[in-house]
Amino acid sequence: MVLNYIWIGFFFVGFVVAVIQLLMGNTEVFPAIMNSTFDSAKTAFEISLGLTGTLALWMGILKIGERGGVVEAMAKVLSPLFTKLFPEIPAGHPVFGHIFMNLSANLLGLDNAATPIGLKAMKELQQINRLKKQASNAMIMFLVLNTSGLTLIPVSILVYRAQMGAEQPTDVFIPILLATAIATLAGIVVTSLYQRISLWNRTILGLCLGICAVVAAVVWASAVVDRQTLNTYSTLVANILLFSVIIIFIVAGMVKKVNVYDAFIHGAKGGFETAVRIIPYLVAILVAIGVFRASGAMDMVVGGISRLVELCGGNTDFVAALPTAIMKPLSGSGARGMMVDAMATYGADSFVGRLSCIFQGATDTTFYILAVYFGSVGIRQTRHAVAAGLITDLVGVLAAIAAAYIFFG
């Protein structure tokens, strides 16, 4: 429903702004709008078509990891942490497996695969929820972990960057990891404070300190190493990690005597179906954004924010990427369209293009997740879920801006 209003809004505002420009003597605005609709539709189809191969690859690799027991093994490792973050859930409850599978899909940047698993987890959480119309603490913690968007391998973002002609599509890997880690840390802390979960617990404290240590190490490296060298090494580390995941999953499958080829083919089919399925969604949102931009409305919004930042004495380089950050809590496909539009307008390797990608990977679609997950089980009283989710989003946006300036500013 939210996306419906956003989509209509883009067209309506674009039309109003175009009419105003026409009355002011700009006779080229409507031809520009119509040209943008055709160009945007073509771009959306070409991008979706190019996604097919890479999505098939990573969905196939993920399926090998599932059958090879990698996901199950990681669930056992993380079990002590889950029992502390979700004290309401009985130890050994099957919902832990679905929660982990959902977070694993998010870690790999496969948000389309994460949603059905998340809905299954929410139904199981509802079964142990005493107040059926009110969100439980476990439900809220689960949703905040989703909205924080913790992403280890942002597959779809890297694919879009490759499709848009980025010289090194993986150069945003480390910045995204930093931003999403900080957002996740903020989400855990804020939700724990709401729910009076002790942050001094050894397991939770260890997680928080570990995230802080990683962030501090990267910030320290940025201070002692020049930006070009830092960017080079971050890209190298990203590629090593990505290829290591592939090798680990394949080796795990071989050890478990899984037919890794068949497993890959099975998973790859899902990737192909996903790529085809997103074509109409991407066409819809890119055409709407194209109308909004061609009418001059986007320039008005960005210009207004830019002037406000200038009045406050701030650097305005990041402002043009803000539409992606603003859209992300409302709609994943909308934010994805904004990200693609930013790369198409400013260049995939521009500061704005890279920052829009970091915004896309820093957090997830808060209002969409709340609406779909809570709606699926009839929850009406969301309690502190919205507040915790939006605070997490804000921290993620600020962390994304900081990471972009460290690596690309």
Protein backbone atom coordinates (compact mmCIF):
# COMPACT_ATOMS: atom_id res chain seq x y z
CA MET A 1 0.00 0.00 0.00
CA VAL A 2 2.84 2.40 0.86
CA LEU A 3 4.53 1.75 -2.47
CA ASN A 4 1.22 2.34 -4.25
CA TYR A 5 0.97 5.85 -2.80
CA ILE A 6 4.64 6.55 -3.51
CA TRP A 7 4.27 5.42 -7.13
CA ILE A 8 1.18 7.57 -7.69
CA GLY A 9 2.88 10.47 -5.91
CA PHE A 10 5.86 10.43 -8.28
CA PHE A 11 3.56 10.76 -11.31
CA PHE A 12 1.24 13.33 -9.72
CA VAL A 13 4.01 15.59 -8.38
CA GLY A 14 5.92 15.24 -11.64
CA PHE A 15 2.83 16.31 -13.60
CA VAL A 16 2.17 19.32 -11.35
CA VAL A 17 5.78 20.51 -11.54
CA ALA A 18 5.80 19.99 -15.32
CA VAL A 19 2.64 22.08 -15.72
CA ILE A 20 4.20 24.87 -13.66
CA GLN A 21 7.32 24.75 -15.83
CA LEU A 22 5.19 24.82 -18.98
CA LEU A 23 3.37 27.91 -17.72
CA MET A 24 6.78 29.49 -17.10
CA GLY A 25 7.69 28.95 -20.76
CA ASN A 26 9.55 25.61 -20.66
CA THR A 27 8.01 23.87 -23.69
CA GLU A 28 10.51 20.97 -23.60
CA VAL A 29 9.46 19.55 -20.26
CA PHE A 30 6.69 17.21 -21.48
CA PRO A 31 8.74 15.79 -24.40
CA ALA A 32 11.53 15.20 -21.88
CA ILE A 33 9.13 13.37 -19.57
CA MET A 34 7.86 11.08 -22.32
CA ASN A 35 11.41 10.33 -23.51
CA SER A 36 12.36 9.47 -19.93
CA THR A 37 9.52 6.95 -19.64
CA PHE A 38 10.78 5.01 -22.68
CA ASP A 39 14.42 5.26 -21.65
CA SER A 40 13.68 4.20 -18.06
CA ALA A 41 11.63 1.20 -19.17
CA LYS A 42 14.46 0.10 -21.46
CA THR A 43 17.05 0.57 -18.71
CA ALA A 44 14.96 -1.44 -16.23
CA PHE A 45 14.63 -4.37 -18.63
CA GLU A 46 18.33 -4.36 -19.50
CA ILE A 47 19.32 -4.29 -15.84
CA SER A 48 16.91 -7.11 -14.93
CA LEU A 49 18.17 -9.19 -17.84
CA GLY A 50 21.76 -8.64 -16.73
CA LEU A 51 20.88 -9.70 -13.18
CA THR A 52 19.89 -13.18 -14.31
CA GLY A 53 23.37 -14.69 -14.44
CA THR A 54 24.67 -13.34 -11.15
CA LEU A 55 21.50 -14.06 -9.19
CA ALA A 56 21.50 -17.59 -10.58
CA LEU A 57 25.14 -17.94 -9.48
CA TRP A 58 24.60 -16.81 -5.89
CA MET A 59 21.29 -18.58 -5.36
CA GLY A 60 23.01 -21.74 -6.59
CA ILE A 61 25.95 -21.25 -4.21
CA LEU A 62 23.56 -20.61 -1.31
CA LYS A 63 21.70 -23.84 -2.05
CA ILE A 64 25.00 -25.75 -1.94
CA GLY A 65 25.71 -24.14 1.45
CA GLU A 66 22.29 -25.15 2.76
CA ARG A 67 22.66 -28.80 1.68
CA GLY A 68 26.27 -28.87 2.81
CA GLY A 69 25.30 -27.96 6.37
CA VAL A 70 27.06 -24.59 6.47
CA VAL A 71 23.88 -22.77 7.46
CA GLU A 72 23.06 -25.35 10.12
CA ALA A 73 26.58 -25.17 11.53
CA MET A 74 26.43 -21.38 11.76
CA ALA A 75 23.06 -21.66 13.52
CA LYS A 76 24.65 -23.82 16.23
CA VAL A 77 27.51 -21.35 16.62
CA LEU A 78 25.10 -18.45 17.01
CA SER A 79 22.68 -20.31 19.30
CA PRO A 80 24.19 -18.86 22.52
CA LEU A 81 23.71 -15.34 21.14
CA PHE A 82 20.13 -15.98 20.03
CA THR A 83 19.08 -17.30 23.42
CA LYS A 84 20.29 -14.04 25.00
CA LEU A 85 18.69 -11.75 22.43
CA PHE A 86 15.41 -13.71 22.52
CA PRO A 87 15.00 -14.73 26.18
CA GLU A 88 11.24 -15.28 25.69
CA ILE A 89 11.81 -18.14 23.22
CA PRO A 90 12.31 -21.57 24.82
CA ALA A 91 15.78 -23.06 24.29
CA GLY A 92 15.95 -25.32 21.26
CA HIS A 93 12.69 -24.02 19.75
CA PRO A 94 12.48 -24.62 15.96
CA VAL A 95 11.88 -20.90 15.35
CA PHE A 96 15.60 -20.29 15.94
CA GLY A 97 16.35 -22.16 12.73
CA HIS A 98 13.99 -19.98 10.71
CA ILE A 99 15.29 -16.81 12.32
CA PHE A 100 18.82 -17.79 11.40
CA MET A 101 17.86 -18.74 7.84
CA ASN A 102 16.14 -15.37 7.44
CA LEU A 103 19.17 -13.47 8.75
CA SER A 104 21.46 -15.62 6.57
CA ALA A 105 19.55 -14.63 3.44
CA ASN A 106 19.89 -10.99 4.49
CA LEU A 107 23.60 -11.51 5.15
CA LEU A 108 23.99 -12.65 1.55
CA GLY A 109 21.95 -9.70 0.28
CA LEU A 110 19.17 -12.00 -0.95
CA ASP A 111 16.23 -10.01 0.43
CA ASN A 112 13.75 -11.72 -1.90
CA ALA A 113 14.65 -15.08 -0.35
CA ALA A 114 14.60 -13.66 3.20
CA THR A 115 10.96 -12.54 3.17
CA PRO A 116 9.18 -15.95 2.92
CA ILE A 117 11.50 -17.40 5.58
CA GLY A 118 10.86 -14.38 7.81
CA LEU A 119 7.10 -14.80 7.49
CA LYS A 120 7.44 -18.43 8.58
CA ALA A 121 9.48 -17.34 11.60
CA MET A 122 6.88 -14.71 12.49
CA LYS A 123 4.09 -17.30 12.45
CA GLU A 124 6.04 -19.49 14.85
CA LEU A 125 6.75 -16.51 17.11
CA GLN A 126 3.02 -15.77 17.11
CA GLN A 127 2.33 -19.30 18.34
CA ILE A 128 4.28 -18.65 21.54
CA ASN A 129 3.01 -15.08 21.88
CA ARG A 130 0.63 -14.70 24.84
CA LEU A 131 -1.06 -11.49 23.59
CA LYS A 132 -2.05 -12.26 20.00
CA LYS A 133 -2.81 -8.65 18.98
CA GLN A 134 0.33 -7.18 20.55
CA ALA A 135 3.89 -7.62 19.33
CA SER A 136 6.06 -9.63 21.70
CA ASN A 137 9.61 -8.62 22.63
CA ALA A 138 10.96 -11.48 20.51
CA MET A 139 8.99 -10.30 17.47
CA ILE A 140 10.28 -6.76 17.84
CA MET A 141 13.91 -7.85 18.26
CA PHE A 142 13.55 -10.07 15.19
CA LEU A 143 12.10 -7.21 13.12
CA VAL A 144 14.75 -4.72 14.25
CA LEU A 145 17.49 -7.19 13.25
CA ASN A 146 15.79 -7.32 9.85
CA THR A 147 15.40 -3.56 9.51
CA SER A 148 19.06 -3.03 10.45
CA GLY A 149 19.79 -4.92 7.23
CA LEU A 150 23.00 -6.64 8.37
CA THR A 151 24.60 -7.63 5.06
CA LEU A 152 27.80 -9.62 4.72
CA ILE A 153 27.65 -10.06 0.95
CA PRO A 154 25.47 -7.43 -0.79
CA VAL A 155 25.02 -9.54 -3.91
CA SER A 156 22.27 -7.54 -5.61
CA ILE A 157 24.04 -4.20 -5.07
CA LEU A 158 27.28 -5.52 -6.53
CA VAL A 159 25.35 -6.87 -9.51
CA TYR A 160 23.64 -3.52 -10.13
CA ARG A 161 27.01 -1.76 -9.96
CA ALA A 162 28.42 -4.18 -12.51
CA GLN A 163 25.41 -3.61 -14.76
CA MET A 164 25.83 0.15 -14.51
CA GLY A 165 29.46 -0.02 -15.62
CA ALA A 166 31.38 0.34 -12.34
CA GLU A 167 35.10 -0.24 -12.81
CA GLN A 168 35.29 -2.14 -9.50
CA PRO A 169 31.75 -3.17 -8.48
CA THR A 170 33.03 -4.52 -5.15
CA ASP A 171 34.63 -1.25 -3.98
CA VAL A 172 31.55 -0.48 -1.84
CA PHE A 173 31.76 -3.84 -0.04
CA ILE A 174 33.69 -2.69 3.05
CA PRO A 175 31.80 0.64 3.41
CA ILE A 176 28.47 -1.23 3.27
CA LEU A 177 29.73 -3.75 5.82
CA LEU A 178 30.74 -0.91 8.15
CA ALA A 179 27.45 0.98 7.81
CA THR A 180 25.24 -2.08 8.24
CA ALA A 181 27.31 -3.33 11.19
CA ILE A 182 26.93 -0.01 12.98
CA ALA A 183 23.19 0.04 12.23
CA THR A 184 22.82 -3.50 13.58
CA LEU A 185 24.76 -2.60 16.71
CA ALA A 186 22.48 0.41 17.24
CA GLY A 187 19.39 -1.74 16.71
CA ILE A 188 20.51 -4.32 19.26
CA VAL A 189 21.40 -1.65 21.83
CA VAL A 190 18.20 0.38 21.39
CA THR A 191 15.90 -2.66 21.45
CA SER A 192 17.74 -4.17 24.42
CA LEU A 193 17.28 -0.94 26.35
CA TYR A 194 13.56 -0.92 25.54
CA GLN A 195 13.22 -4.56 26.60
CA ARG A 196 15.58 -4.32 29.57
CA ILE A 197 17.89 -7.00 28.21
CA SER A 198 21.25 -6.75 29.95
CA LEU A 199 23.92 -5.44 27.60
CA TRP A 200 26.53 -6.57 30.11
CA ASN A 201 25.84 -10.20 29.31
CA ARG A 202 29.10 -11.78 28.16
CA THR A 203 27.71 -12.97 24.81
CA ILE A 204 25.94 -9.74 23.84
CA LEU A 205 28.79 -7.60 25.14
CA GLY A 206 31.24 -9.67 23.11
CA LEU A 207 29.19 -9.11 19.95
CA CYS A 208 28.97 -5.36 20.55
CA LEU A 209 32.68 -5.03 21.34
CA GLY A 210 33.56 -7.13 18.30
CA ILE A 211 31.57 -4.85 15.99
CA CYS A 212 33.13 -1.78 17.62
CA ALA A 213 36.63 -3.27 17.20
CA VAL A 214 36.09 -3.87 13.47
CA VAL A 215 34.75 -0.35 12.96
CA ALA A 216 37.61 1.16 14.97
CA ALA A 217 40.18 -0.82 12.97
CA VAL A 218 38.81 0.47 9.66
CA VAL A 219 38.65 4.06 10.94
CA TRP A 220 42.25 3.76 12.21
CA ALA A 221 43.36 2.35 8.84
CA SER A 222 41.71 5.27 7.07
CA ALA A 223 43.73 7.68 9.22
CA VAL A 224 47.14 6.11 8.57
CA VAL A 225 46.71 4.95 4.96
CA ASP A 226 46.00 7.17 1.98
CA ARG A 227 42.52 6.88 0.46
CA GLN A 228 43.64 5.25 -2.79
CA THR A 229 45.54 2.50 -0.97
CA LEU A 230 42.66 1.97 1.44
CA ASN A 231 40.22 1.64 -1.45
CA THR A 232 42.55 -0.81 -3.22
CA TYR A 233 42.92 -3.03 -0.17
CA SER A 234 39.21 -2.93 0.68
CA THR A 235 38.39 -4.06 -2.86
CA LEU A 236 40.97 -6.84 -2.62
CA VAL A 237 39.61 -8.03 0.74
CA ALA A 238 36.07 -7.95 -0.62
CA ASN A 239 36.96 -10.14 -3.59
CA ILE A 240 38.91 -12.59 -1.43
CA LEU A 241 36.00 -12.93 1.00
CA LEU A 242 33.45 -13.39 -1.77
CA PHE A 243 35.47 -16.10 -3.49
CA SER A 244 36.23 -17.76 -0.14
CA VAL A 245 32.49 -18.10 0.50
CA ILE A 246 32.09 -19.92 -2.81
CA ILE A 247 34.97 -22.31 -2.04
CA ILE A 248 33.81 -22.96 1.55
CA PHE A 249 30.28 -23.78 0.42
CA ILE A 250 31.51 -26.13 -2.32
CA VAL A 251 33.96 -27.90 0.02
CA ALA A 252 31.24 -28.27 2.67
CA GLY A 253 28.99 -29.84 0.07
CA MET A 254 31.71 -32.28 -0.98
CA VAL A 255 32.37 -33.28 2.64
CA LYS A 256 28.65 -33.96 3.12
CA LYS A 257 28.70 -35.94 -0.16
CA VAL A 258 26.17 -33.61 -1.72
CA ASN A 259 25.82 -33.57 -5.49
CA VAL A 260 27.01 -29.97 -5.61
CA TYR A 261 26.27 -29.61 -9.31
CA ASP A 262 22.62 -30.62 -8.90
CA ALA A 263 22.30 -28.44 -5.80
CA PHE A 264 23.72 -25.49 -7.71
CA ILE A 265 21.34 -26.03 -10.64
CA HIS A 266 18.38 -26.23 -8.28
CA GLY A 267 19.31 -22.99 -6.56
CA ALA A 268 20.23 -21.27 -9.82
CA LYS A 269 16.74 -21.90 -11.18
CA GLY A 270 15.40 -19.89 -8.28
CA GLY A 271 17.82 -17.08 -9.12
CA PHE A 272 16.63 -17.04 -12.73
CA GLU A 273 12.99 -16.91 -11.63
CA THR A 274 13.77 -14.05 -9.22
CA ALA A 275 15.49 -12.03 -11.95
CA VAL A 276 12.51 -12.44 -14.29
CA ARG A 277 10.01 -11.69 -11.50
CA ILE A 278 11.51 -8.29 -10.65
CA ILE A 279 11.26 -6.94 -14.24
CA PRO A 280 7.77 -5.38 -13.88
CA TYR A 281 8.59 -3.94 -10.45
CA LEU A 282 11.81 -2.34 -11.66
CA VAL A 283 10.11 -0.98 -14.80
CA ALA A 284 7.31 0.53 -12.69
CA ILE A 285 9.54 2.30 -10.20
CA LEU A 286 12.19 3.50 -12.67
CA VAL A 287 9.58 4.98 -15.00
CA ALA A 288 7.95 6.81 -12.07
CA ILE A 289 11.32 8.13 -10.89
CA GLY A 290 12.15 9.11 -14.47
CA VAL A 291 8.98 11.23 -14.65
CA PHE A 292 9.76 12.77 -11.26
CA ARG A 293 13.33 13.65 -12.32
CA ALA A 294 12.52 14.84 -15.87
CA SER A 295 9.85 17.21 -14.55
CA GLY A 296 12.45 18.96 -12.40
CA ALA A 297 10.87 17.86 -9.09
CA MET A 298 13.93 15.86 -8.05
CA ASP A 299 16.19 18.87 -8.61
CA MET A 300 13.88 20.98 -6.46
CA VAL A 301 13.98 18.50 -3.57
CA VAL A 302 17.74 17.97 -3.73
CA GLY A 303 18.37 21.70 -4.16
CA GLY A 304 16.26 22.54 -1.12
CA ILE A 305 18.07 20.05 1.08
CA SER A 306 21.43 21.22 -0.28
CA ARG A 307 20.70 24.84 0.62
CA LEU A 308 19.62 23.81 4.11
CA VAL A 309 22.87 21.88 4.63
CA GLU A 310 24.88 24.86 3.33
CA LEU A 311 23.14 27.16 5.81
CA CYS A 312 24.21 24.79 8.58
CA GLY A 313 27.80 24.95 7.31
CA GLY A 314 27.94 21.33 6.12
CA ASN A 315 29.42 19.64 3.07
CA THR A 316 26.73 19.03 0.44
CA ASP A 317 28.40 16.29 -1.62
CA PHE A 318 26.16 13.63 -0.06
CA VAL A 319 22.82 15.39 -0.66
CA ALA A 320 22.19 14.07 -4.18
CA ALA A 321 22.26 10.49 -2.83
CA LEU A 322 19.74 11.21 -0.06
CA PRO A 323 16.65 10.16 -2.08
CA THR A 324 17.85 6.55 -1.77
CA ALA A 325 18.19 6.90 2.01
CA ILE A 326 14.80 8.59 2.34
CA MET A 327 13.09 5.94 0.23
CA LYS A 328 14.73 2.91 1.89
CA PRO A 329 12.54 2.72 5.04
CA LEU A 330 9.43 2.89 2.84
CA SER A 331 10.18 0.62 -0.11
CA GLY A 332 13.04 -1.67 -1.08
CA SER A 333 12.20 -1.58 -4.78
CA GLY A 334 11.73 2.19 -4.61
CA ALA A 335 15.14 2.65 -2.99
CA ARG A 336 16.65 0.26 -5.52
CA GLY A 337 15.22 2.41 -8.28
CA MET A 338 16.67 5.54 -6.65
CA MET A 339 20.06 3.83 -6.40
CA VAL A 340 20.03 2.83 -10.08
CA ASP A 341 18.84 6.32 -11.05
CA ALA A 342 21.69 7.92 -9.06
CA MET A 343 24.27 5.71 -10.78
CA ALA A 344 22.72 6.40 -14.20
CA THR A 345 22.65 10.16 -13.57
CA TYR A 346 25.97 10.73 -11.81
CA GLY A 347 27.94 7.61 -12.76
CA ALA A 348 28.44 4.31 -10.94
CA ASP A 349 31.91 5.37 -9.77
CA SER A 350 30.90 8.87 -8.68
CA PHE A 351 30.69 9.79 -5.00
CA VAL A 352 26.89 10.05 -5.28
CA GLY A 353 26.61 6.72 -7.12
CA ARG A 354 28.70 4.91 -4.53
CA LEU A 355 26.98 6.54 -1.57
CA SER A 356 23.56 5.60 -2.92
CA CYS A 357 24.75 1.97 -3.00
CA ILE A 358 25.98 2.24 0.60
CA PHE A 359 22.61 3.69 1.63
CA GLN A 360 20.89 0.78 -0.09
CA GLY A 361 22.98 -1.74 1.84
CA ALA A 362 23.11 0.05 5.20
CA THR A 363 19.55 -0.67 6.42
CA ASP A 364 16.36 -2.36 5.27
CA THR A 365 12.76 -1.37 4.54
CA THR A 366 11.46 -0.63 8.03
CA PHE A 367 7.83 0.22 7.27
CA TYR A 368 7.50 -2.52 4.63
CA ILE A 369 8.87 -5.16 7.00
CA LEU A 370 6.66 -3.99 9.85
CA ALA A 371 3.56 -3.95 7.65
CA VAL A 372 4.16 -7.33 6.00
CA TYR A 373 5.48 -9.27 8.99
CA PHE A 374 3.06 -7.93 11.58
CA GLY A 375 0.18 -7.98 9.11
CA SER A 376 0.80 -11.64 8.32
CA VAL A 377 -0.04 -12.62 11.93
CA GLY A 378 -2.62 -9.93 12.76
CA ILE A 379 -0.47 -7.81 15.09
CA ARG A 380 -2.02 -4.36 15.67
CA GLN A 381 -0.10 -3.03 18.66
CA THR A 382 3.50 -2.63 17.50
CA ARG A 383 4.74 -1.11 20.79
CA HIS A 384 8.33 0.16 20.40
CA ALA A 385 9.00 -1.53 17.04
CA VAL A 386 8.63 1.62 14.90
CA ALA A 387 10.75 3.80 17.19
CA ALA A 388 13.55 1.22 17.43
CA GLY A 389 13.48 0.62 13.68
CA LEU A 390 13.65 4.32 12.75
CA ILE A 391 16.48 5.01 15.21
CA THR A 392 18.35 2.12 13.62
CA ASP A 393 17.70 3.59 10.15
CA LEU A 394 19.00 7.01 11.19
CA VAL A 395 22.20 5.56 12.61
CA GLY A 396 22.67 3.51 9.43
CA VAL A 397 22.29 6.61 7.23
CA LEU A 398 24.82 8.59 9.28
CA ALA A 399 27.23 5.64 9.26
CA ALA A 400 26.84 5.31 5.47
CA ILE A 401 27.70 8.98 4.95
CA ALA A 402 30.74 8.69 7.21
CA ALA A 403 31.94 5.52 5.45
CA ALA A 404 31.53 7.14 2.02
CA TYR A 405 33.64 10.13 3.02
CA ILE A 406 36.31 7.85 4.52
CA PHE A 407 36.66 5.74 1.40
CA PHE A 408 35.58 7.98 -1.48
CA GLY A 409 35.28 11.55 -0.23
